[in-house]
């Protein structure tokens, strides 16, 4: 019977609810402080990560600056090309020799009585030595 009583006692002990001890006011404050500290730390990490790699973070700003510089270079090149084409168009409108020059260069036209001679390098031959 002694063994049965022990097994009954073990069953009763296991079924008994665990008594929670009451925390002191200082322990409650310490626990709250730890929870608040952890929560603020996590929020800080999230904000730092967002500031660095977010949609408008540091890396995005660096990329935008690189894109802006590339676009400025492109705009400058296109403005130069536009100026050249405007100058060429003005020249073609005002100078008859410019029209003749363009027709000869772009269309391969010749004057009556002229002979057009086109020289091409033979295949496999490069520039003559010493011509550079």
N, C-alpha and C. Protein backbone atom coordinates (compact mmCIF):
# COMPACT_ATOMS: atom_id res chain seq x y z
N UNK A 1 0.81 -1.16 0.00
CA UNK A 1 0.00 0.00 0.00
C UNK A 1 0.87 1.26 0.00
N UNK A 2 1.97 1.10 0.49
CA UNK A 2 2.90 2.20 0.53
C UNK A 2 3.24 2.65 -0.89
N UNK A 3 3.42 1.70 -1.81
CA UNK A 3 3.73 2.03 -3.19
C UNK A 3 2.55 2.68 -3.88
N UNK A 4 1.37 2.22 -3.58
CA UNK A 4 0.17 2.83 -4.18
C UNK A 4 -0.02 4.25 -3.66
N UNK A 5 0.27 4.48 -2.43
CA UNK A 5 0.12 5.82 -1.87
C UNK A 5 1.10 6.77 -2.52
N UNK A 6 2.28 6.24 -2.78
CA UNK A 6 3.28 7.09 -3.44
C UNK A 6 2.84 7.42 -4.86
N UNK A 7 2.32 6.46 -5.56
CA UNK A 7 1.87 6.73 -6.93
C UNK A 7 0.68 7.68 -6.91
N UNK A 8 -0.19 7.56 -5.90
CA UNK A 8 -1.31 8.49 -5.79
C UNK A 8 -0.80 9.88 -5.46
N UNK A 9 0.19 9.96 -4.58
CA UNK A 9 0.74 11.25 -4.22
C UNK A 9 1.41 11.91 -5.44
N UNK A 10 2.09 11.10 -6.26
CA UNK A 10 2.74 11.65 -7.44
C UNK A 10 1.70 12.18 -8.41
N UNK A 11 0.59 11.50 -8.54
CA UNK A 11 -0.49 11.95 -9.42
C UNK A 11 -1.12 13.22 -8.90
N UNK A 12 -1.26 13.30 -7.61
CA UNK A 12 -1.86 14.49 -7.01
C UNK A 12 -0.90 15.67 -7.12
N UNK A 13 0.38 15.41 -6.91
CA UNK A 13 1.37 16.48 -6.98
C UNK A 13 1.45 17.03 -8.41
N UNK A 14 1.34 16.15 -9.39
CA UNK A 14 1.40 16.59 -10.76
C UNK A 14 0.14 17.35 -11.14
N UNK A 15 -0.97 17.03 -10.56
CA UNK A 15 -2.23 17.67 -10.90
C UNK A 15 -2.39 19.00 -10.17
N UNK A 16 -1.65 19.21 -9.14
CA UNK A 16 -1.75 20.45 -8.40
C UNK A 16 -1.22 21.62 -9.23
N UNK A 17 -1.95 22.72 -9.29
CA UNK A 17 -1.46 23.86 -10.08
C UNK A 17 -0.24 24.48 -9.41
N UNK A 18 0.61 24.99 -10.24
CA UNK A 18 1.81 25.61 -9.74
C UNK A 18 1.44 26.99 -9.19
N UNK A 19 1.91 27.28 -8.05
CA UNK A 19 1.60 28.55 -7.42
C UNK A 19 2.60 29.57 -7.94
N UNK A 20 2.06 30.70 -8.43
CA UNK A 20 2.93 31.76 -8.93
C UNK A 20 3.23 32.72 -7.81
N UNK A 21 4.45 33.01 -7.70
CA UNK A 21 4.81 33.92 -6.63
C UNK A 21 4.60 35.34 -7.13
N UNK A 22 4.19 36.16 -6.28
CA UNK A 22 3.90 37.54 -6.61
C UNK A 22 5.21 38.32 -6.72
N UNK A 23 5.32 39.13 -7.79
CA UNK A 23 6.53 39.90 -8.00
C UNK A 23 6.47 41.19 -7.19
N UNK A 24 7.61 41.61 -6.72
CA UNK A 24 7.65 42.86 -5.98
C UNK A 24 7.55 44.03 -6.97
N UNK A 25 7.29 45.20 -6.49
CA UNK A 25 7.15 46.37 -7.33
C UNK A 25 8.44 46.65 -8.09
N UNK A 26 9.57 46.45 -7.45
CA UNK A 26 10.87 46.66 -8.10
C UNK A 26 11.07 45.68 -9.24
N UNK A 27 10.68 44.41 -9.04
CA UNK A 27 10.82 43.40 -10.10
C UNK A 27 9.91 43.73 -11.27
N UNK A 28 8.72 44.22 -10.99
CA UNK A 28 7.79 44.60 -12.06
C UNK A 28 8.38 45.75 -12.88
N UNK A 29 8.93 46.76 -12.19
CA UNK A 29 9.55 47.88 -12.87
C UNK A 29 10.75 47.43 -13.71
N UNK A 30 11.56 46.54 -13.16
CA UNK A 30 12.72 46.03 -13.90
C UNK A 30 12.28 45.27 -15.15
N UNK A 31 11.24 44.45 -15.00
CA UNK A 31 10.75 43.67 -16.14
C UNK A 31 10.21 44.61 -17.21
N UNK A 32 9.43 45.61 -16.81
CA UNK A 32 8.90 46.58 -17.77
C UNK A 32 10.04 47.33 -18.46
N UNK A 33 11.03 47.71 -17.69
CA UNK A 33 12.16 48.44 -18.25
C UNK A 33 12.88 47.58 -19.30
N UNK A 34 13.06 46.29 -19.01
CA UNK A 34 13.72 45.39 -19.97
C UNK A 34 12.88 45.25 -21.24
N UNK A 35 11.57 45.09 -21.07
CA UNK A 35 10.69 44.94 -22.24
C UNK A 35 10.72 46.21 -23.08
N UNK A 36 10.63 47.36 -22.43
CA UNK A 36 10.67 48.62 -23.16
C UNK A 36 12.02 48.80 -23.84
N UNK A 37 13.09 48.46 -23.17
CA UNK A 37 14.43 48.58 -23.75
C UNK A 37 14.56 47.70 -24.99
N UNK A 38 14.10 46.45 -24.90
CA UNK A 38 14.16 45.55 -26.05
C UNK A 38 13.29 46.07 -27.19
N UNK A 39 12.09 46.53 -26.88
CA UNK A 39 11.19 47.03 -27.93
C UNK A 39 11.81 48.24 -28.63
N UNK A 40 12.37 49.17 -27.85
CA UNK A 40 13.01 50.34 -28.45
C UNK A 40 14.24 49.95 -29.25
N UNK A 41 14.99 48.98 -28.79
CA UNK A 41 16.17 48.51 -29.53
C UNK A 41 15.77 47.91 -30.87
N UNK A 42 14.73 47.12 -30.87
CA UNK A 42 14.25 46.50 -32.12
C UNK A 42 13.75 47.58 -33.07
N UNK A 43 12.99 48.55 -32.55
CA UNK A 43 12.50 49.63 -33.40
C UNK A 43 13.66 50.44 -33.98
N UNK A 44 14.69 50.67 -33.16
CA UNK A 44 15.85 51.41 -33.63
C UNK A 44 16.56 50.66 -34.76
N UNK A 45 16.73 49.37 -34.62
CA UNK A 45 17.37 48.56 -35.66
C UNK A 45 16.55 48.61 -36.94
N UNK A 46 15.23 48.49 -36.82
CA UNK A 46 14.37 48.54 -38.00
C UNK A 46 14.50 49.90 -38.69
N UNK A 47 14.48 50.97 -37.92
CA UNK A 47 14.62 52.31 -38.50
C UNK A 47 15.98 52.51 -39.16
N UNK A 48 17.04 52.01 -38.55
CA UNK A 48 18.37 52.13 -39.14
C UNK A 48 18.47 51.36 -40.45
N UNK A 49 17.94 50.15 -40.47
CA UNK A 49 17.97 49.35 -41.70
C UNK A 49 17.17 50.05 -42.79
N UNK A 50 16.00 50.58 -42.42
CA UNK A 50 15.17 51.29 -43.40
C UNK A 50 15.88 52.55 -43.90
N UNK A 51 16.56 53.25 -43.02
CA UNK A 51 17.27 54.47 -43.44
C UNK A 51 18.42 54.13 -44.37
N UNK A 52 18.99 52.97 -44.25
CA UNK A 52 20.13 52.59 -45.07
C UNK A 52 19.70 51.99 -46.40
N UNK A 53 18.78 51.03 -46.38
CA UNK A 53 18.42 50.31 -47.60
C UNK A 53 16.96 50.50 -48.00
N UNK A 54 16.24 51.38 -47.37
CA UNK A 54 14.84 51.60 -47.68
C UNK A 54 14.64 52.27 -49.03
N UNK A 55 13.37 52.50 -49.36
CA UNK A 55 13.01 53.07 -50.65
C UNK A 55 13.66 54.44 -50.86
N UNK A 56 13.72 55.24 -49.83
CA UNK A 56 14.39 56.54 -49.95
C UNK A 56 15.55 56.62 -48.96
N UNK A 57 16.24 55.52 -48.81
CA UNK A 57 17.36 55.45 -47.88
C UNK A 57 18.66 55.91 -48.52
N UNK A 58 19.72 55.68 -47.81
CA UNK A 58 21.06 56.14 -48.21
C UNK A 58 21.47 55.54 -49.55
N UNK A 59 21.29 54.23 -49.72
CA UNK A 59 21.71 53.58 -50.97
C UNK A 59 20.88 54.06 -52.15
N UNK A 60 19.59 54.28 -51.92
CA UNK A 60 18.74 54.79 -52.99
C UNK A 60 19.16 56.19 -53.39
N UNK A 61 19.55 57.00 -52.42
CA UNK A 61 20.02 58.36 -52.74
C UNK A 61 21.33 58.32 -53.51
N UNK A 62 22.23 57.42 -53.15
CA UNK A 62 23.48 57.29 -53.91
C UNK A 62 23.20 56.91 -55.36
N UNK A 63 22.30 55.96 -55.56
CA UNK A 63 21.95 55.54 -56.91
C UNK A 63 21.30 56.68 -57.68
N UNK A 64 20.43 57.45 -57.02
CA UNK A 64 19.78 58.58 -57.68
C UNK A 64 20.81 59.64 -58.08
N UNK A 65 21.80 59.87 -57.25
CA UNK A 65 22.85 60.84 -57.58
C UNK A 65 23.67 60.36 -58.79
N UNK A 66 24.00 59.06 -58.82
CA UNK A 66 24.73 58.51 -59.97
C UNK A 66 23.90 58.64 -61.25
N UNK A 67 22.60 58.36 -61.14
CA UNK A 67 21.72 58.48 -62.30
C UNK A 67 21.64 59.93 -62.76
N UNK A 68 21.58 60.87 -61.81
CA UNK A 68 21.51 62.29 -62.16
C UNK A 68 22.77 62.74 -62.90
N UNK A 69 23.93 62.29 -62.45
CA UNK A 69 25.18 62.64 -63.12
C UNK A 69 25.20 62.06 -64.53
N UNK A 70 24.77 60.81 -64.67
CA UNK A 70 24.75 60.18 -65.99
C UNK A 70 23.79 60.93 -66.92
N UNK A 71 22.65 61.35 -66.39
CA UNK A 71 21.70 62.10 -67.21
C UNK A 71 22.25 63.48 -67.59
N UNK A 72 22.98 64.11 -66.69
CA UNK A 72 23.58 65.41 -67.02
C UNK A 72 24.60 65.26 -68.14
N UNK A 73 25.38 64.20 -68.11
CA UNK A 73 26.35 63.94 -69.17
C UNK A 73 25.63 63.71 -70.49
N UNK A 74 24.55 62.94 -70.45
CA UNK A 74 23.77 62.66 -71.66
C UNK A 74 23.16 63.95 -72.21
N UNK A 75 22.62 64.77 -71.33
CA UNK A 75 22.01 66.04 -71.77
C UNK A 75 23.07 66.94 -72.40
N UNK A 76 24.26 67.01 -71.80
CA UNK A 76 25.33 67.83 -72.36
C UNK A 76 25.73 67.33 -73.74
N UNK A 77 25.84 66.00 -73.89
CA UNK A 77 26.21 65.42 -75.19
C UNK A 77 25.14 65.72 -76.23
N UNK A 78 23.87 65.57 -75.84
CA UNK A 78 22.78 65.82 -76.79
C UNK A 78 22.68 67.31 -77.16
N UNK A 79 22.97 68.19 -76.21
CA UNK A 79 22.97 69.63 -76.52
C UNK A 79 24.07 69.96 -77.52
N UNK A 80 25.24 69.35 -77.32
CA UNK A 80 26.35 69.58 -78.25
C UNK A 80 25.97 69.06 -79.65
N UNK A 81 25.39 67.86 -79.68
CA UNK A 81 24.97 67.29 -80.97
C UNK A 81 23.89 68.16 -81.61
N UNK A 82 22.97 68.65 -80.80
CA UNK A 82 21.91 69.52 -81.32
C UNK A 82 22.49 70.81 -81.90
N UNK A 83 23.46 71.39 -81.19
CA UNK A 83 24.11 72.61 -81.70
C UNK A 83 24.81 72.33 -83.03
N UNK A 84 25.49 71.20 -83.12
CA UNK A 84 26.19 70.84 -84.36
C UNK A 84 25.20 70.67 -85.51
N UNK A 85 24.09 70.00 -85.24
CA UNK A 85 23.10 69.79 -86.29
C UNK A 85 22.42 71.10 -86.69
N UNK A 86 22.19 71.97 -85.72
CA UNK A 86 21.60 73.28 -86.02
C UNK A 86 22.55 74.09 -86.90
N UNK A 87 23.82 74.07 -86.55
CA UNK A 87 24.83 74.78 -87.33
C UNK A 87 24.93 74.19 -88.74
N UNK A 88 24.89 72.88 -88.84
CA UNK A 88 24.96 72.22 -90.15
C UNK A 88 23.73 72.56 -90.98
N UNK A 89 22.55 72.57 -90.34
CA UNK A 89 21.32 72.94 -91.07
C UNK A 89 21.35 74.36 -91.55
N UNK A 90 21.82 75.29 -90.72
CA UNK A 90 21.95 76.69 -91.11
C UNK A 90 22.92 76.83 -92.29
N UNK A 91 24.01 76.08 -92.21
CA UNK A 91 25.02 76.14 -93.27
C UNK A 91 24.45 75.60 -94.59
N UNK A 92 23.65 74.50 -94.49
CA UNK A 92 23.05 73.94 -95.71
C UNK A 92 22.03 74.90 -96.31
N UNK A 93 21.37 75.69 -95.50
CA UNK A 93 20.38 76.65 -96.01
C UNK A 93 21.06 77.86 -96.66
N UNK A 94 22.20 78.26 -96.14
CA UNK A 94 22.81 79.50 -96.58
C UNK A 94 23.95 79.32 -97.58
N UNK A 95 24.65 78.21 -97.55
CA UNK A 95 25.86 78.04 -98.35
C UNK A 95 25.65 76.97 -99.42
N UNK A 96 25.66 77.36 -100.69
CA UNK A 96 25.47 76.36 -101.76
C UNK A 96 26.61 75.35 -101.83
N UNK A 97 27.81 75.76 -101.46
CA UNK A 97 28.92 74.79 -101.50
C UNK A 97 28.73 73.71 -100.44
N UNK A 98 28.03 74.03 -99.34
CA UNK A 98 27.76 73.02 -98.31
C UNK A 98 26.81 71.96 -98.84
N UNK A 99 25.83 72.40 -99.65
CA UNK A 99 24.90 71.43 -100.25
C UNK A 99 25.67 70.51 -101.20
N UNK A 100 26.54 71.08 -102.01
CA UNK A 100 27.32 70.27 -102.94
C UNK A 100 28.22 69.30 -102.17
N UNK A 101 28.85 69.79 -101.14
CA UNK A 101 29.74 68.94 -100.33
C UNK A 101 28.96 67.78 -99.71
N UNK A 102 27.77 68.07 -99.18
CA UNK A 102 26.95 67.02 -98.57
C UNK A 102 26.49 66.01 -99.63
N UNK A 103 26.12 66.48 -100.80
CA UNK A 103 25.68 65.57 -101.86
C UNK A 103 26.83 64.67 -102.30
N UNK A 104 28.03 65.22 -102.42
CA UNK A 104 29.19 64.41 -102.81
C UNK A 104 29.53 63.38 -101.72
N UNK A 105 29.53 63.84 -100.47
CA UNK A 105 29.93 62.96 -99.37
C UNK A 105 28.88 61.88 -99.08
N UNK A 106 27.61 62.29 -98.95
CA UNK A 106 26.58 61.35 -98.49
C UNK A 106 25.97 60.54 -99.63
N UNK A 107 25.85 61.14 -100.80
CA UNK A 107 25.16 60.45 -101.90
C UNK A 107 26.11 59.94 -102.97
N UNK A 108 27.38 60.31 -102.86
CA UNK A 108 28.36 59.83 -103.85
C UNK A 108 28.17 60.48 -105.21
N UNK A 109 27.61 61.67 -105.26
CA UNK A 109 27.36 62.36 -106.53
C UNK A 109 28.65 62.99 -107.05
N UNK A 110 28.70 63.12 -108.38
CA UNK A 110 29.85 63.74 -109.04
C UNK A 110 29.32 64.76 -110.06
N UNK A 111 30.17 65.71 -110.42
CA UNK A 111 29.80 66.68 -111.46
C UNK A 111 29.94 66.02 -112.83
N UNK A 112 29.24 66.56 -113.75
CA UNK A 112 29.41 66.01 -115.11
C UNK A 112 30.86 66.17 -115.56
N UNK A 113 31.41 65.13 -116.11
CA UNK A 113 32.78 65.14 -116.60
C UNK A 113 33.78 64.65 -115.55
N UNK A 114 33.37 64.51 -114.29
CA UNK A 114 34.27 64.01 -113.25
C UNK A 114 34.18 62.49 -113.21
N UNK A 115 35.24 61.86 -112.73
CA UNK A 115 35.25 60.42 -112.56
C UNK A 115 35.47 60.13 -111.08
N UNK A 116 34.61 59.29 -110.56
CA UNK A 116 34.70 58.93 -109.13
C UNK A 116 35.59 57.70 -109.00
N UNK A 117 36.60 57.81 -108.17
CA UNK A 117 37.51 56.71 -107.93
C UNK A 117 37.43 56.37 -106.44
N UNK A 118 37.10 55.12 -106.12
CA UNK A 118 37.00 54.67 -104.74
C UNK A 118 38.14 53.69 -104.48
N UNK A 119 38.96 53.99 -103.51
CA UNK A 119 40.09 53.14 -103.16
C UNK A 119 39.76 52.37 -101.88
N UNK A 120 39.96 51.10 -101.95
CA UNK A 120 39.72 50.25 -100.78
C UNK A 120 40.98 49.45 -100.51
N UNK A 121 41.21 49.13 -99.23
CA UNK A 121 42.35 48.29 -98.87
C UNK A 121 42.09 46.87 -99.35
N UNK A 122 43.16 46.23 -99.77
CA UNK A 122 43.05 44.83 -100.17
C UNK A 122 42.82 44.00 -98.91
N UNK A 123 42.03 42.93 -98.98
CA UNK A 123 41.79 42.10 -97.79
C UNK A 123 43.08 41.54 -97.23
N UNK A 124 43.22 41.59 -95.94
CA UNK A 124 44.39 41.04 -95.26
C UNK A 124 45.54 42.01 -95.15
N UNK A 125 45.43 43.17 -95.76
CA UNK A 125 46.50 44.13 -95.64
C UNK A 125 46.06 45.23 -94.67
N UNK A 126 46.97 45.64 -93.90
CA UNK A 126 46.68 46.70 -92.94
C UNK A 126 47.35 47.97 -93.40
N UNK A 127 47.43 48.94 -92.52
CA UNK A 127 48.12 50.19 -92.87
C UNK A 127 49.60 49.93 -93.09
N UNK A 128 50.18 50.74 -93.92
CA UNK A 128 51.61 50.59 -94.23
C UNK A 128 52.43 50.85 -92.98
N UNK A 129 53.54 50.11 -92.84
CA UNK A 129 54.37 50.34 -91.65
C UNK A 129 54.95 51.75 -91.68
N UNK A 130 54.93 52.37 -90.53
CA UNK A 130 55.48 53.71 -90.40
C UNK A 130 54.48 54.79 -90.75
N UNK A 131 53.24 54.41 -91.13
CA UNK A 131 52.25 55.43 -91.48
C UNK A 131 51.56 55.98 -90.24
N UNK A 132 51.81 55.39 -89.12
CA UNK A 132 51.16 55.86 -87.91
C UNK A 132 51.94 56.91 -87.23
